[in-house]
Amino acid sequence: MVLDILKEKIVEILNVDPNEITEKTTFIGDLCADSLDVYQIILGVEDALQISLDGEDVEQISNVGEAVSLIEKVMAAK
């Protein structure tokens, strides 16, 4: 579920093929996203799941799998 929502936001903001997105896909290297793009993606996920992610934790995210792990961790603590 988290991966699907994250993919949806990535596709929406970066206009990429969802089939190219895996947990190992990097935001900056593979998806050519900049920090603003990543911020917009995270905001979209926060809105969709009604959660709030710590900014410092978000800055440490480099790939989709790390984002999924962080989101799932926050959801579990909710």
C-alpha atoms as a PDB file:
ATOM      1  CA  MET A   1       0.000   0.000   0.000  1.00  0.00           C
ATOM      2  CA  VAL A   2       2.703   2.514   0.974  1.00  0.00           C
ATOM      3  CA  LEU A   3       4.750   1.689  -2.107  1.00  0.00           C
ATOM      4  CA  ASP A   4       1.696   2.123  -4.336  1.00  0.00           C
ATOM      5  CA  ILE A   5       0.874   5.548  -2.878  1.00  0.00           C
ATOM      6  CA  LEU A   6       4.505   6.627  -3.106  1.00  0.00           C
ATOM      7  CA  LYS A   7       4.684   5.474  -6.736  1.00  0.00           C
ATOM      8  CA  GLU A   8       1.477   7.349  -7.504  1.00  0.00           C
ATOM      9  CA  LYS A   9       2.949  10.594  -6.131  1.00  0.00           C
ATOM     10  CA  ILE A  10       6.265  10.055  -7.942  1.00  0.00           C
ATOM     11  CA  VAL A  11       4.460   9.531 -11.249  1.00  0.00           C
ATOM     12  CA  GLU A  12       2.217  12.539 -10.609  1.00  0.00           C
ATOM     13  CA  ILE A  13       5.103  14.907  -9.846  1.00  0.00           C
ATOM     14  CA  LEU A  14       7.924  13.573 -12.022  1.00  0.00           C
ATOM     15  CA  ASN A  15       5.838  12.196 -14.916  1.00  0.00           C
ATOM     16  CA  VAL A  16       7.784   8.929 -15.103  1.00  0.00           C
ATOM     17  CA  ASP A  17       6.711   5.393 -15.998  1.00  0.00           C
ATOM     18  CA  PRO A  18       5.488   3.634 -12.824  1.00  0.00           C
ATOM     19  CA  ASN A  19       6.970   0.355 -14.094  1.00  0.00           C
ATOM     20  CA  GLU A  20      10.456   1.865 -13.800  1.00  0.00           C
ATOM     21  CA  ILE A  21      10.036   2.507 -10.066  1.00  0.00           C
ATOM     22  CA  THR A  22      11.310  -0.134  -7.654  1.00  0.00           C
ATOM     23  CA  GLU A  23      12.406   0.048  -4.032  1.00  0.00           C
ATOM     24  CA  LYS A  24      16.004   0.424  -5.241  1.00  0.00           C
ATOM     25  CA  THR A  25      15.196   3.391  -7.501  1.00  0.00           C
ATOM     26  CA  THR A  26      17.023   6.521  -6.343  1.00  0.00           C
ATOM     27  CA  PHE A  27      15.232   9.848  -6.413  1.00  0.00           C
ATOM     28  CA  ILE A  28      18.123  11.964  -7.627  1.00  0.00           C
ATOM     29  CA  GLY A  29      20.132   9.497  -9.741  1.00  0.00           C
ATOM     30  CA  ASP A  30      17.437   7.351 -11.348  1.00  0.00           C
ATOM     31  CA  LEU A  31      14.448   9.690 -11.352  1.00  0.00           C
ATOM     32  CA  CYS A  32      16.369  12.950 -11.880  1.00  0.00           C
ATOM     33  CA  ALA A  33      14.435  14.567  -9.019  1.00  0.00           C
ATOM     34  CA  ASP A  34      15.736  17.581  -7.167  1.00  0.00           C
ATOM     35  CA  SER A  35      15.171  18.308  -3.489  1.00  0.00           C
ATOM     36  CA  LEU A  36      11.992  20.294  -4.237  1.00  0.00           C
ATOM     37  CA  ASP A  37      10.569  17.343  -6.179  1.00  0.00           C
ATOM     38  CA  VAL A  38      11.282  14.989  -3.278  1.00  0.00           C
ATOM     39  CA  TYR A  39       9.681  17.462  -0.872  1.00  0.00           C
ATOM     40  CA  GLN A  40       6.532  17.626  -3.039  1.00  0.00           C
ATOM     41  CA  ILE A  41       6.371  13.829  -3.252  1.00  0.00           C
ATOM     42  CA  ILE A  42       6.684  13.499   0.524  1.00  0.00           C
ATOM     43  CA  LEU A  43       4.018  16.179   1.092  1.00  0.00           C
ATOM     44  CA  GLY A  44       1.672  14.272  -1.197  1.00  0.00           C
ATOM     45  CA  VAL A  45       2.263  11.044   0.702  1.00  0.00           C
ATOM     46  CA  GLU A  46       1.785  12.797   4.049  1.00  0.00           C
ATOM     47  CA  ASP A  47      -1.542  14.196   2.848  1.00  0.00           C
ATOM     48  CA  ALA A  48      -2.696  10.864   1.421  1.00  0.00           C
ATOM     49  CA  LEU A  49      -1.836   8.915   4.578  1.00  0.00           C
ATOM     50  CA  GLN A  50      -2.513  11.707   7.083  1.00  0.00           C
ATOM     51  CA  ILE A  51       0.911  11.410   8.684  1.00  0.00           C
ATOM     52  CA  SER A  52       3.783  13.778   9.353  1.00  0.00           C
ATOM     53  CA  LEU A  53       7.400  12.900   8.617  1.00  0.00           C
ATOM     54  CA  ASP A  54      10.350  14.504  10.365  1.00  0.00           C
ATOM     55  CA  GLY A  55      12.272  16.821   8.035  1.00  0.00           C
ATOM     56  CA  GLU A  56      15.661  15.511   9.127  1.00  0.00           C
ATOM     57  CA  ASP A  57      14.565  11.936   8.417  1.00  0.00           C
ATOM     58  CA  VAL A  58      13.273  12.946   4.992  1.00  0.00           C
ATOM     59  CA  GLU A  59      16.635  14.539   4.135  1.00  0.00           C
ATOM     60  CA  GLN A  60      18.305  11.144   4.666  1.00  0.00           C
ATOM     61  CA  ILE A  61      16.128   9.378   2.079  1.00  0.00           C
ATOM     62  CA  SER A  62      17.985   8.478  -1.095  1.00  0.00           C
ATOM     63  CA  ASN A  63      15.815   5.765  -2.636  1.00  0.00           C
ATOM     64  CA  VAL A  64      12.219   4.601  -2.781  1.00  0.00           C
ATOM     65  CA  GLY A  65      12.788   1.706  -0.372  1.00  0.00           C
ATOM     66  CA  GLU A  66      14.141   4.043   2.308  1.00  0.00           C
ATOM     67  CA  ALA A  67      11.096   6.276   1.874  1.00  0.00           C
ATOM     68  CA  VAL A  68       8.750   3.291   2.229  1.00  0.00           C
ATOM     69  CA  SER A  69      10.558   2.157   5.401  1.00  0.00           C
ATOM     70  CA  LEU A  70      10.361   5.614   6.953  1.00  0.00           C
ATOM     71  CA  ILE A  71       6.680   5.995   6.105  1.00  0.00           C
ATOM     72  CA  GLU A  72       5.839   2.538   7.470  1.00  0.00           C
ATOM     73  CA  LYS A  73       7.777   3.299  10.661  1.00  0.00           C
ATOM     74  CA  VAL A  74       5.828   6.527  11.207  1.00  0.00           C
ATOM     75  CA  MET A  75       2.531   4.787  10.464  1.00  0.00           C
ATOM     76  CA  ALA A  76       3.305   2.012  12.958  1.00  0.00           C
ATOM     77  CA  ALA A  77       4.032   4.562  15.677  1.00  0.00           C
ATOM     78  CA  LYS A  78       0.803   6.436  14.961  1.00  0.00           C
END
